[in-house]
Amino acid sequence: MNKKDRMRIKAAEAQGWSGPWRFGSEHLHGTPPGEKPVHEGKHVPEEIDKIIVELHNQIESLCSGIMSVRALINESNGVTGLHLNGNVALWSELEDDGGDYKWLTEFNCAEEFCKKYYDESNNE
């Protein structure tokens, strides 16, 4: 099962749906809240499915951008001119575990989210 399908199931579960799960040609099938499971299941409402697919795509795009910035950080020393004195502000000084500046705190938090997101998606 691919990551997008796992996210569709998680979204349906968040709305109270349960398995057994089945993927039709266009729809996810499962058991609505409060009903007994049946083999063929019922369509998960299209609105839920569309929202989850769109959110999944947005998360993928944001995480891709974050990984690109990490690649840039790994391939460079820092930022020239940040302190307006011509010196290089080293990346190690700007990240959470760096010095006093912590300019990249939110970036580091987003990076951790993406790591967890991919770890959870790949371990299911």
N, C-alpha and C. Protein backbone atom coordinates (compact mmCIF):
# COMPACT_ATOMS: atom_id res chain seq x y z
N MET A 1 0.86 -1.17 0.00
CA MET A 1 0.00 0.00 0.00
C MET A 1 0.90 1.23 0.00
N ASN A 2 0.56 2.21 -0.83
CA ASN A 2 1.40 3.40 -0.92
C ASN A 2 1.04 4.41 0.18
N LYS A 3 1.89 5.42 0.33
CA LYS A 3 1.76 6.41 1.39
C LYS A 3 0.44 7.18 1.27
N LYS A 4 0.05 7.53 0.04
CA LYS A 4 -1.17 8.29 -0.15
C LYS A 4 -2.39 7.48 0.32
N ASP A 5 -2.42 6.20 0.01
CA ASP A 5 -3.54 5.36 0.45
C ASP A 5 -3.56 5.21 1.97
N ARG A 6 -2.38 5.11 2.59
CA ARG A 6 -2.33 5.04 4.05
C ARG A 6 -2.86 6.32 4.68
N MET A 7 -2.54 7.47 4.06
CA MET A 7 -3.04 8.74 4.56
C MET A 7 -4.56 8.83 4.38
N ARG A 8 -5.08 8.30 3.29
CA ARG A 8 -6.53 8.30 3.08
C ARG A 8 -7.22 7.49 4.18
N ILE A 9 -6.65 6.36 4.53
CA ILE A 9 -7.22 5.53 5.59
C ILE A 9 -7.15 6.26 6.93
N LYS A 10 -5.99 6.87 7.23
CA LYS A 10 -5.86 7.60 8.50
C LYS A 10 -6.90 8.71 8.60
N ALA A 11 -7.14 9.40 7.50
CA ALA A 11 -8.13 10.48 7.50
C ALA A 11 -9.53 9.95 7.75
N ALA A 12 -9.86 8.85 7.11
CA ALA A 12 -11.18 8.25 7.31
C ALA A 12 -11.32 7.77 8.75
N GLU A 13 -10.26 7.19 9.30
CA GLU A 13 -10.29 6.74 10.70
C GLU A 13 -10.50 7.92 11.64
N ALA A 14 -9.90 9.05 11.31
CA ALA A 14 -10.08 10.25 12.14
C ALA A 14 -11.52 10.72 12.14
N GLN A 15 -12.28 10.35 11.10
CA GLN A 15 -13.69 10.70 11.02
C GLN A 15 -14.59 9.59 11.56
N GLY A 16 -13.97 8.56 12.17
CA GLY A 16 -14.74 7.50 12.80
C GLY A 16 -14.96 6.27 11.93
N TRP A 17 -14.45 6.27 10.71
CA TRP A 17 -14.59 5.11 9.83
C TRP A 17 -13.62 4.02 10.27
N SER A 18 -13.91 2.77 9.89
CA SER A 18 -13.01 1.66 10.21
C SER A 18 -12.99 0.67 9.05
N GLY A 19 -12.09 -0.31 9.15
CA GLY A 19 -11.96 -1.33 8.11
C GLY A 19 -13.02 -2.39 8.24
N PRO A 20 -13.00 -3.39 7.39
CA PRO A 20 -11.94 -3.64 6.42
C PRO A 20 -11.94 -2.59 5.31
N TRP A 21 -10.73 -2.27 4.85
CA TRP A 21 -10.56 -1.25 3.81
C TRP A 21 -10.43 -1.91 2.45
N ARG A 22 -10.97 -1.22 1.46
CA ARG A 22 -10.85 -1.67 0.08
C ARG A 22 -10.80 -0.44 -0.80
N PHE A 23 -9.96 -0.49 -1.81
CA PHE A 23 -9.85 0.63 -2.74
C PHE A 23 -10.56 0.25 -4.03
N GLY A 24 -11.61 1.03 -4.36
CA GLY A 24 -12.30 0.85 -5.62
C GLY A 24 -11.54 1.60 -6.70
N SER A 25 -12.13 1.73 -7.87
CA SER A 25 -11.45 2.42 -8.96
C SER A 25 -11.18 3.88 -8.62
N GLU A 26 -12.08 4.52 -7.86
CA GLU A 26 -11.89 5.92 -7.51
C GLU A 26 -12.08 6.21 -6.03
N HIS A 27 -12.67 5.30 -5.29
CA HIS A 27 -13.05 5.58 -3.92
C HIS A 27 -12.45 4.58 -2.93
N LEU A 28 -12.28 5.06 -1.73
CA LEU A 28 -11.92 4.22 -0.61
C LEU A 28 -13.22 3.67 -0.03
N HIS A 29 -13.24 2.40 0.30
CA HIS A 29 -14.41 1.76 0.90
C HIS A 29 -14.05 1.32 2.31
N GLY A 30 -14.97 1.52 3.24
CA GLY A 30 -14.75 1.11 4.62
C GLY A 30 -16.08 1.04 5.35
N THR A 31 -16.01 1.03 6.66
CA THR A 31 -17.20 0.91 7.50
C THR A 31 -17.49 2.25 8.16
N PRO A 32 -18.68 2.82 7.91
CA PRO A 32 -19.03 4.11 8.51
C PRO A 32 -19.12 4.00 10.03
N PRO A 33 -19.00 5.13 10.72
CA PRO A 33 -19.10 5.14 12.18
C PRO A 33 -20.42 4.52 12.66
N GLY A 34 -20.34 3.65 13.66
CA GLY A 34 -21.52 3.07 14.25
C GLY A 34 -22.13 1.90 13.50
N GLU A 35 -21.55 1.51 12.37
CA GLU A 35 -22.09 0.39 11.60
C GLU A 35 -21.18 -0.83 11.76
N LYS A 36 -21.76 -2.01 11.50
CA LYS A 36 -20.99 -3.24 11.54
C LYS A 36 -20.22 -3.39 10.23
N PRO A 37 -19.00 -3.91 10.32
CA PRO A 37 -18.20 -4.10 9.10
C PRO A 37 -18.86 -5.08 8.13
N VAL A 38 -18.77 -4.75 6.86
CA VAL A 38 -19.20 -5.66 5.80
C VAL A 38 -18.05 -5.74 4.81
N HIS A 39 -17.96 -6.86 4.11
CA HIS A 39 -16.82 -7.10 3.24
C HIS A 39 -16.66 -6.02 2.16
N GLU A 40 -17.73 -5.67 1.48
CA GLU A 40 -17.60 -4.72 0.37
C GLU A 40 -17.45 -3.27 0.83
N GLY A 41 -17.89 -2.97 2.05
CA GLY A 41 -17.76 -1.62 2.59
C GLY A 41 -18.59 -0.60 1.84
N LYS A 42 -18.55 0.64 2.31
CA LYS A 42 -19.24 1.76 1.69
C LYS A 42 -18.22 2.80 1.31
N HIS A 43 -18.61 3.67 0.37
CA HIS A 43 -17.70 4.74 -0.06
C HIS A 43 -17.44 5.70 1.10
N VAL A 44 -16.17 5.98 1.34
CA VAL A 44 -15.83 7.08 2.24
C VAL A 44 -16.24 8.35 1.49
N PRO A 45 -16.90 9.29 2.17
CA PRO A 45 -17.34 10.49 1.45
C PRO A 45 -16.22 11.14 0.66
N GLU A 46 -16.55 11.52 -0.55
CA GLU A 46 -15.57 12.08 -1.48
C GLU A 46 -14.89 13.33 -0.91
N GLU A 47 -15.65 14.12 -0.12
CA GLU A 47 -15.07 15.35 0.44
C GLU A 47 -13.89 15.02 1.36
N ILE A 48 -14.04 13.99 2.18
CA ILE A 48 -12.97 13.58 3.09
C ILE A 48 -11.77 13.11 2.28
N ASP A 49 -12.04 12.27 1.31
CA ASP A 49 -10.97 11.71 0.50
C ASP A 49 -10.20 12.81 -0.24
N LYS A 50 -10.90 13.76 -0.83
CA LYS A 50 -10.25 14.84 -1.58
C LYS A 50 -9.41 15.73 -0.67
N ILE A 51 -9.95 16.05 0.50
CA ILE A 51 -9.21 16.89 1.44
C ILE A 51 -7.91 16.21 1.85
N ILE A 52 -7.97 14.92 2.12
CA ILE A 52 -6.79 14.21 2.57
C ILE A 52 -5.74 14.11 1.47
N VAL A 53 -6.18 13.83 0.27
CA VAL A 53 -5.23 13.75 -0.85
C VAL A 53 -4.56 15.10 -1.04
N GLU A 54 -5.32 16.20 -0.96
CA GLU A 54 -4.75 17.54 -1.12
C GLU A 54 -3.78 17.87 0.01
N LEU A 55 -4.15 17.55 1.25
CA LEU A 55 -3.25 17.80 2.37
C LEU A 55 -1.98 16.98 2.25
N HIS A 56 -2.12 15.74 1.83
CA HIS A 56 -0.95 14.88 1.62
C HIS A 56 -0.02 15.51 0.58
N ASN A 57 -0.58 15.99 -0.52
CA ASN A 57 0.23 16.62 -1.57
C ASN A 57 0.92 17.87 -1.06
N GLN A 58 0.23 18.66 -0.25
CA GLN A 58 0.84 19.87 0.31
C GLN A 58 1.97 19.53 1.28
N ILE A 59 1.77 18.53 2.11
CA ILE A 59 2.82 18.11 3.03
C ILE A 59 4.04 17.62 2.26
N GLU A 60 3.80 16.83 1.21
CA GLU A 60 4.91 16.34 0.38
C GLU A 60 5.70 17.51 -0.21
N SER A 61 4.99 18.52 -0.71
CA SER A 61 5.64 19.67 -1.32
C SER A 61 6.44 20.47 -0.29
N LEU A 62 5.85 20.72 0.87
CA LEU A 62 6.55 21.46 1.92
C LEU A 62 7.78 20.71 2.41
N CYS A 63 7.65 19.41 2.61
CA CYS A 63 8.79 18.61 3.08
C CYS A 63 9.89 18.56 2.03
N SER A 64 9.51 18.54 0.78
CA SER A 64 10.51 18.56 -0.29
C SER A 64 11.31 19.87 -0.24
N GLY A 65 10.62 20.98 -0.02
CA GLY A 65 11.30 22.28 0.11
C GLY A 65 12.22 22.31 1.31
N ILE A 66 11.77 21.76 2.41
CA ILE A 66 12.59 21.72 3.63
C ILE A 66 13.83 20.87 3.41
N MET A 67 13.68 19.74 2.72
CA MET A 67 14.84 18.89 2.43
C MET A 67 15.82 19.60 1.49
N SER A 68 15.30 20.43 0.58
CA SER A 68 16.17 21.19 -0.32
C SER A 68 16.99 22.21 0.46
N VAL A 69 16.36 22.87 1.42
CA VAL A 69 17.10 23.83 2.26
C VAL A 69 18.16 23.09 3.08
N ARG A 70 17.83 21.90 3.60
CA ARG A 70 18.81 21.12 4.36
C ARG A 70 19.99 20.77 3.46
N ALA A 71 19.73 20.41 2.21
CA ALA A 71 20.82 20.09 1.27
C ALA A 71 21.71 21.31 1.06
N LEU A 72 21.11 22.49 0.94
CA LEU A 72 21.87 23.73 0.80
C LEU A 72 22.73 23.98 2.04
N ILE A 73 22.15 23.79 3.20
CA ILE A 73 22.91 23.97 4.46
C ILE A 73 24.08 23.01 4.51
N ASN A 74 23.84 21.76 4.12
CA ASN A 74 24.90 20.75 4.17
C ASN A 74 26.02 21.01 3.17
N GLU A 75 25.74 21.75 2.12
CA GLU A 75 26.73 22.01 1.07
C GLU A 75 27.36 23.40 1.16
N SER A 76 27.07 24.14 2.23
CA SER A 76 27.64 25.48 2.36
C SER A 76 28.04 25.73 3.81
N ASN A 77 28.75 26.81 4.01
CA ASN A 77 29.26 27.13 5.35
C ASN A 77 28.31 27.97 6.18
N GLY A 78 27.55 28.83 5.53
CA GLY A 78 26.67 29.72 6.28
C GLY A 78 26.17 30.83 5.42
N VAL A 79 25.87 31.97 6.04
CA VAL A 79 25.30 33.13 5.36
C VAL A 79 26.27 34.29 5.49
N THR A 80 26.66 34.83 4.35
CA THR A 80 27.55 35.99 4.35
C THR A 80 26.72 37.26 4.46
N GLY A 81 27.13 38.16 5.31
CA GLY A 81 26.46 39.45 5.43
C GLY A 81 25.31 39.48 6.40
N LEU A 82 25.01 38.41 7.06
CA LEU A 82 23.89 38.40 8.00
C LEU A 82 24.07 39.42 9.11
N HIS A 83 25.27 39.53 9.60
CA HIS A 83 25.54 40.46 10.70
C HIS A 83 25.95 41.85 10.20
N LEU A 84 25.82 42.05 8.89
CA LEU A 84 26.14 43.33 8.24
C LEU A 84 27.59 43.76 8.45
N ASN A 85 28.48 42.76 8.65
CA ASN A 85 29.89 43.08 8.84
C ASN A 85 30.78 42.32 7.85
N GLY A 86 30.16 41.58 6.93
CA GLY A 86 30.93 40.84 5.94
C GLY A 86 31.38 39.47 6.38
N ASN A 87 31.23 39.16 7.64
CA ASN A 87 31.61 37.84 8.14
C ASN A 87 30.56 36.80 7.78
N VAL A 88 30.99 35.55 7.78
CA VAL A 88 30.07 34.44 7.52
C VAL A 88 29.44 34.00 8.84
N ALA A 89 28.11 34.00 8.87
CA ALA A 89 27.40 33.44 10.03
C ALA A 89 27.25 31.95 9.74
N LEU A 90 27.95 31.13 10.50
CA LEU A 90 27.94 29.69 10.25
C LEU A 90 26.58 29.10 10.55
N TRP A 91 26.20 28.11 9.74
CA TRP A 91 24.91 27.44 9.95
C TRP A 91 24.82 26.89 11.37
N SER A 92 25.94 26.38 11.87
CA SER A 92 25.93 25.79 13.21
C SER A 92 25.58 26.81 14.28
N GLU A 93 25.80 28.09 14.00
CA GLU A 93 25.45 29.14 14.96
C GLU A 93 23.98 29.53 14.85
N LEU A 94 23.34 29.17 13.75
CA LEU A 94 21.98 29.63 13.49
C LEU A 94 20.90 28.59 13.78
N GLU A 95 21.32 27.35 13.97
CA GLU A 95 20.35 26.29 14.21
C GLU A 95 20.10 26.12 15.71
N ASP A 96 19.11 25.29 16.03
CA ASP A 96 18.69 25.07 17.42
C ASP A 96 19.85 24.74 18.36
N ASP A 97 20.76 23.91 17.89
CA ASP A 97 21.84 23.48 18.77
C ASP A 97 23.07 24.38 18.66
N GLY A 98 22.88 25.52 18.02
CA GLY A 98 23.99 26.45 17.82
C GLY A 98 24.12 27.45 18.93
N GLY A 99 24.56 28.64 18.57
CA GLY A 99 24.82 29.69 19.55
C GLY A 99 23.56 30.40 20.03
N ASP A 100 23.68 31.69 20.19
CA ASP A 100 22.61 32.49 20.78
C ASP A 100 21.52 32.90 19.79
N TYR A 101 21.75 32.78 18.50
CA TYR A 101 20.84 33.37 17.52
C TYR A 101 19.58 32.54 17.26
N LYS A 102 19.74 31.29 17.00
CA LYS A 102 18.62 30.37 16.77
C LYS A 102 17.64 30.88 15.72
N TRP A 103 18.17 31.37 14.61
CA TRP A 103 17.35 31.87 13.53
C TRP A 103 16.54 30.76 12.86
N LEU A 104 17.02 29.55 12.94
CA LEU A 104 16.39 28.44 12.21
C LEU A 104 15.57 27.52 13.10
N THR A 105 15.12 28.00 14.24
CA THR A 105 14.35 27.17 15.16
C THR A 105 13.11 26.59 14.48
N GLU A 106 12.33 27.42 13.81
CA GLU A 106 11.12 26.94 13.14
C GLU A 106 11.46 25.99 12.01
N PHE A 107 12.56 26.26 11.30
CA PHE A 107 13.00 25.35 10.24
C PHE A 107 13.33 23.98 10.83
N ASN A 108 14.05 23.98 11.95
CA ASN A 108 14.40 22.71 12.59
C ASN A 108 13.17 21.95 13.05
N CYS A 109 12.16 22.66 13.56
CA CYS A 109 10.90 22.02 13.97
C CYS A 109 10.20 21.41 12.75
N ALA A 110 10.16 22.15 11.66
CA ALA A 110 9.53 21.64 10.44
C ALA A 110 10.29 20.43 9.90
N GLU A 111 11.60 20.48 9.98
CA GLU A 111 12.42 19.36 9.53
C GLU A 111 12.14 18.11 10.36
N GLU A 112 11.98 18.27 11.67
CA GLU A 112 11.65 17.14 12.54
C GLU A 112 10.28 16.56 12.18
N PHE A 113 9.32 17.45 11.91
CA PHE A 113 7.99 16.98 11.50
C PHE A 113 8.11 16.12 10.24
N CYS A 114 8.87 16.59 9.26
CA CYS A 114 9.01 15.84 8.00
C CYS A 114 9.68 14.49 8.23
N LYS A 115 10.69 14.45 9.08
CA LYS A 115 11.34 13.17 9.39
C LYS A 115 10.34 12.19 9.99
N LYS A 116 9.54 12.66 10.95
CA LYS A 116 8.53 11.81 11.58
C LYS A 116 7.47 11.39 10.56
N TYR A 117 7.06 12.32 9.74
CA TYR A 117 6.05 12.05 8.72
C TYR A 117 6.52 10.93 7.80
N TYR A 118 7.76 11.03 7.32
CA TYR A 118 8.28 10.00 6.42
C TYR A 118 8.55 8.69 7.15
N ASP A 119 9.04 8.77 8.39
CA ASP A 119 9.28 7.55 9.17
C ASP A 119 7.98 6.80 9.40
N GLU A 120 6.92 7.51 9.81
CA GLU A 120 5.62 6.87 10.04
C GLU A 120 5.05 6.28 8.76
N SER A 121 5.18 7.02 7.68
CA SER A 121 4.64 6.58 6.40
C SER A 121 5.38 5.35 5.90
N ASN A 122 6.69 5.30 6.13
CA ASN A 122 7.49 4.18 5.62
C ASN A 122 7.45 2.96 6.51
N ASN A 123 7.06 3.13 7.77
CA ASN A 123 7.03 2.00 8.71
C ASN A 123 5.67 1.32 8.80
N GLU A 124 4.70 1.80 8.07
CA GLU A 124 3.36 1.19 8.15
C GLU A 124 3.20 0.13 7.10
